[in-house]
Amino acid sequence: MAELSGIEVVVFDVLGTLVDEPSGLRAALRDAVPAADDAAADELLTLWQRHREREEQRIGQGDRTYANTEVIDAEAAQQVAGRAGLTDPAVIARLATAGQRLPPWDDSVAGLARLAQRFPVLGLSNASRTASLRLNAHAGLRWHQALSAEAVPAYKPSPRVYQLAVEAAGCPPERVLMVAAHAWDLRAARTSGMRTAYVRRPSGDPPKPSDTFDQHFNGLHELVATLVRS
């Protein structure tokens, strides 16, 4: 793996990398459907995640006009409501915003704060502008700049999203480090010319043997320690 030298700006994926998305969504589902046991909650979570993945893919393939994550999450909440028998509009509306109340991983807040003392730090998320604002506030994530793919508009892994980050960084892509817990995200960033660092998370997408990311880390503190001393 390559040394992380010459980095000027660090860009972070948010969902799954800095916040624990599955746990946050599962907690919201249990609140909305208190009678659901673990198996039922997992089934509803899978329903939610599959809807969002499918719709983002359809948008990426040109089979659907762009809709932001607030729209897609509201659709997912309606699907969950239909499966679980929810009829209270207030409960369904709150469930639709579950993605704005996700808990940070234990090392996220401190790691970002330390890294921001050395580098400009950007967030790059598929979440809409409003959802990103509320999620960052809830999780205590502090950025020099938070970017939403809604600005393009597209969803990762569209090259337009990574170009958005490179343009905001204001330096060549080989001096911009993309950090994510998802190998698919890093593959696309690497194709766009960015440097790449994988951070392991329990719900992430681990690299394949064929992946050639610059560095792999077991957590954010390892990444920060490496960058600060580079």
Protein backbone atom coordinates (compact mmCIF):
# COMPACT_ATOMS: atom_id res chain seq x y z
CA MET A 1 0.00 0.00 0.00
CA ALA A 2 1.10 3.55 -0.75
CA GLU A 3 2.18 6.09 1.83
CA LEU A 4 -0.33 8.86 2.51
CA SER A 5 1.99 11.73 1.65
CA GLY A 6 1.11 14.90 -0.22
CA ILE A 7 -2.49 15.00 1.02
CA GLU A 8 -3.96 18.51 1.23
CA VAL A 9 -7.67 17.84 1.84
CA VAL A 10 -9.53 14.91 3.44
CA VAL A 11 -13.02 13.95 2.27
CA PHE A 12 -15.23 11.60 4.31
CA ASP A 13 -18.18 9.52 3.36
CA VAL A 14 -20.75 9.91 6.12
CA LEU A 15 -23.41 7.19 6.07
CA GLY A 16 -21.88 4.03 7.49
CA THR A 17 -18.40 5.54 7.74
CA LEU A 18 -18.96 8.16 10.44
CA VAL A 19 -22.44 7.21 11.63
CA ASP A 20 -23.89 3.78 12.43
CA GLU A 21 -26.71 3.75 9.92
CA PRO A 22 -28.13 0.24 10.52
CA SER A 23 -28.34 0.71 14.29
CA GLY A 24 -29.97 4.13 13.94
CA LEU A 25 -32.57 2.92 11.46
CA ARG A 26 -33.25 -0.21 13.51
CA ALA A 27 -33.84 1.89 16.63
CA ALA A 28 -36.30 4.11 14.74
CA LEU A 29 -38.13 1.05 13.44
CA ARG A 30 -38.41 -0.40 16.94
CA ASP A 31 -39.82 2.92 18.18
CA ALA A 32 -42.37 2.96 15.38
CA VAL A 33 -43.28 -0.72 15.77
CA PRO A 34 -42.78 -1.56 19.48
CA ALA A 35 -44.28 -5.02 19.06
CA ALA A 36 -41.66 -6.06 16.50
CA ASP A 37 -39.17 -8.66 17.70
CA ASP A 38 -35.57 -8.71 16.48
CA ALA A 39 -36.39 -10.80 13.42
CA ALA A 40 -39.27 -8.55 12.42
CA ALA A 41 -37.18 -5.40 12.93
CA ASP A 42 -34.41 -6.85 10.77
CA GLU A 43 -36.95 -7.68 8.05
CA LEU A 44 -38.25 -4.10 8.07
CA LEU A 45 -34.71 -2.73 7.99
CA THR A 46 -33.91 -4.89 4.96
CA LEU A 47 -37.08 -3.66 3.24
CA TRP A 48 -36.01 -0.04 3.87
CA GLN A 49 -32.44 -0.54 2.71
CA ARG A 50 -33.40 -2.45 -0.42
CA HIS A 51 -35.87 0.23 -1.46
CA ARG A 52 -33.29 2.98 -1.10
CA GLU A 53 -30.56 1.03 -2.89
CA ARG A 54 -32.91 0.12 -5.73
CA GLU A 55 -34.17 3.67 -6.23
CA GLU A 56 -30.68 5.20 -6.13
CA GLN A 57 -29.59 2.66 -8.73
CA ARG A 58 -32.59 3.44 -10.91
CA ILE A 59 -31.71 7.13 -10.75
CA GLY A 60 -28.10 6.35 -11.62
CA GLN A 61 -29.20 4.28 -14.60
CA GLY A 62 -31.52 7.00 -15.86
CA ASP A 63 -34.67 4.98 -15.15
CA ARG A 64 -35.98 7.57 -12.68
CA THR A 65 -35.71 11.34 -12.42
CA TYR A 66 -33.51 12.45 -9.53
CA ALA A 67 -35.27 12.44 -6.14
CA ASN A 68 -33.38 13.31 -2.97
CA THR A 69 -33.03 11.07 0.06
CA GLU A 70 -35.91 12.75 1.88
CA VAL A 71 -38.26 11.61 -0.88
CA ILE A 72 -36.80 8.11 -1.05
CA ASP A 73 -36.82 7.69 2.72
CA ALA A 74 -40.46 8.79 2.84
CA GLU A 75 -41.23 6.10 0.27
CA ALA A 76 -39.34 3.55 2.35
CA ALA A 77 -41.29 4.58 5.45
CA GLN A 78 -44.55 4.05 3.59
CA GLN A 79 -43.42 0.58 2.54
CA VAL A 80 -42.50 -0.26 6.12
CA ALA A 81 -45.85 1.09 7.31
CA GLY A 82 -47.69 -1.12 4.84
CA ARG A 83 -45.73 -4.21 5.92
CA ALA A 84 -46.05 -3.47 9.66
CA GLY A 85 -49.65 -2.22 9.62
CA LEU A 86 -48.79 1.32 10.73
CA THR A 87 -51.57 3.85 10.14
CA ASP A 88 -50.69 6.83 12.38
CA PRO A 89 -49.53 9.63 10.03
CA ALA A 90 -47.36 11.22 12.75
CA VAL A 91 -45.52 7.95 13.43
CA ILE A 92 -44.94 7.37 9.71
CA ALA A 93 -43.73 10.95 9.21
CA ARG A 94 -41.23 10.63 12.05
CA LEU A 95 -40.04 7.29 10.71
CA ALA A 96 -39.40 8.94 7.33
CA THR A 97 -36.79 11.18 8.99
CA ALA A 98 -34.98 8.34 10.78
CA GLY A 99 -31.94 8.84 8.57
CA GLN A 100 -31.43 12.26 10.14
CA ARG A 101 -30.98 10.77 13.64
CA LEU A 102 -28.14 8.29 13.30
CA PRO A 103 -25.55 7.79 16.06
CA PRO A 104 -21.86 8.45 15.37
CA TRP A 105 -19.31 5.69 15.75
CA ASP A 106 -17.35 6.04 18.99
CA ASP A 107 -14.27 7.49 17.30
CA SER A 108 -15.97 9.79 14.76
CA VAL A 109 -16.39 13.06 16.63
CA ALA A 110 -12.96 13.11 18.28
CA GLY A 111 -11.25 11.86 15.13
CA LEU A 112 -12.75 14.59 12.96
CA ALA A 113 -11.89 17.26 15.49
CA ARG A 114 -8.25 16.18 15.67
CA LEU A 115 -7.89 15.84 11.92
CA ALA A 116 -9.44 19.26 11.32
CA GLN A 117 -6.56 20.86 13.21
CA ARG A 118 -4.22 19.73 10.42
CA PHE A 119 -6.30 19.48 7.22
CA PRO A 120 -9.40 20.97 5.61
CA VAL A 121 -12.03 18.28 6.16
CA LEU A 122 -15.08 17.79 3.95
CA GLY A 123 -18.10 15.57 4.28
CA LEU A 124 -19.46 14.03 1.06
CA SER A 125 -22.81 12.34 1.42
CA ASN A 126 -25.64 11.04 -0.71
CA ALA A 127 -27.98 12.49 1.93
CA SER A 128 -29.87 15.61 0.86
CA ARG A 129 -28.77 19.05 1.99
CA THR A 130 -31.44 19.23 4.69
CA ALA A 131 -30.92 15.65 5.83
CA SER A 132 -27.15 16.22 6.00
CA LEU A 133 -27.60 19.37 8.06
CA ARG A 134 -29.80 17.64 10.60
CA LEU A 135 -27.74 14.46 10.67
CA ASN A 136 -24.49 16.33 11.24
CA ALA A 137 -26.08 18.30 14.07
CA HIS A 138 -27.57 15.19 15.70
CA ALA A 139 -24.34 13.19 15.49
CA GLY A 140 -22.11 16.11 16.50
CA LEU A 141 -20.09 15.99 13.26
CA ARG A 142 -18.16 19.20 12.56
CA TRP A 143 -16.88 20.02 9.09
CA HIS A 144 -15.06 22.74 7.29
CA GLN A 145 -17.60 22.04 4.56
CA ALA A 146 -20.39 19.49 4.19
CA LEU A 147 -21.25 18.54 0.61
CA SER A 148 -24.45 16.85 -0.53
CA ALA A 149 -24.71 14.86 -3.75
CA GLU A 150 -28.01 16.69 -4.20
CA ALA A 151 -25.96 19.62 -5.52
CA VAL A 152 -24.99 17.70 -8.68
CA PRO A 153 -27.73 16.11 -8.62
CA ALA A 154 -26.74 12.45 -8.56
CA TYR A 155 -25.83 9.62 -6.21
CA LYS A 156 -22.49 8.05 -5.56
CA PRO A 157 -20.85 6.27 -7.33
CA SER A 158 -21.56 8.81 -10.08
CA PRO A 159 -18.29 10.58 -11.06
CA ARG A 160 -20.11 13.90 -10.72
CA VAL A 161 -20.30 13.48 -6.95
CA TYR A 162 -16.54 12.99 -6.55
CA GLN A 163 -15.85 15.86 -8.93
CA LEU A 164 -17.97 18.02 -6.63
CA ALA A 165 -15.56 17.21 -3.78
CA VAL A 166 -12.44 17.78 -5.88
CA GLU A 167 -13.72 21.17 -7.04
CA ALA A 168 -14.53 22.16 -3.46
CA ALA A 169 -11.05 21.05 -2.34
CA GLY A 170 -9.44 23.34 -4.90
CA CYS A 171 -6.42 21.13 -5.55
CA PRO A 172 -5.53 18.23 -7.88
CA PRO A 173 -7.46 15.01 -7.13
CA GLU A 174 -4.25 13.16 -6.26
CA ARG A 175 -3.94 15.49 -3.26
CA VAL A 176 -7.47 14.74 -2.06
CA LEU A 177 -8.00 11.71 0.18
CA MET A 178 -11.38 9.96 0.12
CA VAL A 179 -12.14 8.03 3.30
CA ALA A 180 -14.95 5.46 3.41
CA ALA A 181 -16.05 2.17 4.92
CA HIS A 182 -17.42 1.08 1.54
CA ALA A 183 -15.13 -0.40 -1.08
CA TRP A 184 -17.57 0.49 -3.88
CA ASP A 185 -17.32 4.15 -2.83
CA LEU A 186 -13.54 4.09 -2.84
CA ARG A 187 -13.35 2.35 -6.21
CA ALA A 188 -15.33 5.18 -7.76
CA ALA A 189 -13.24 7.82 -5.99
CA ARG A 190 -10.06 6.17 -7.21
CA THR A 191 -11.40 6.19 -10.78
CA SER A 192 -11.90 9.94 -10.35
CA GLY A 193 -8.21 10.32 -9.46
CA MET A 194 -8.59 10.69 -5.70
CA ARG A 195 -6.41 8.93 -3.12
CA THR A 196 -8.28 6.36 -1.05
CA ALA A 197 -8.35 5.09 2.53
CA TYR A 198 -10.59 2.29 3.75
CA VAL A 199 -11.78 2.39 7.37
CA ARG A 200 -13.28 -0.82 8.69
CA ARG A 201 -16.77 -0.62 10.15
CA PRO A 202 -19.07 -3.49 11.20
CA SER A 203 -21.65 -2.62 8.53
CA GLY A 204 -19.25 -1.57 5.78
CA ASP A 205 -18.38 -3.06 2.42
CA PRO A 206 -14.88 -4.60 2.83
CA PRO A 207 -12.30 -4.48 0.06
CA LYS A 208 -11.64 -7.39 -2.27
CA PRO A 209 -8.12 -8.76 -2.78
CA SER A 210 -8.06 -7.02 -6.15
CA ASP A 211 -8.70 -3.56 -4.64
CA THR A 212 -5.68 -1.25 -4.57
CA PHE A 213 -6.58 1.44 -2.06
CA ASP A 214 -3.76 3.53 -0.61
CA GLN A 215 -4.33 2.43 2.99
CA HIS A 216 -6.58 0.25 5.16
CA PHE A 217 -7.37 1.18 8.78
CA ASN A 218 -9.20 -0.54 11.62
CA GLY A 219 -10.68 2.72 12.86
CA LEU A 220 -10.60 6.47 12.58
CA HIS A 221 -7.93 6.92 15.24
CA GLU A 222 -5.48 4.86 13.16
CA LEU A 223 -6.22 7.00 10.11
CA VAL A 224 -5.81 10.24 12.03
CA ALA A 225 -2.54 9.13 13.62
CA THR A 226 -1.14 8.23 10.22
CA LEU A 227 -2.18 11.48 8.57
CA VAL A 228 -1.08 13.73 11.41
CA ARG A 229 2.45 12.31 11.39
CA SER A 230 2.74 12.16 7.56
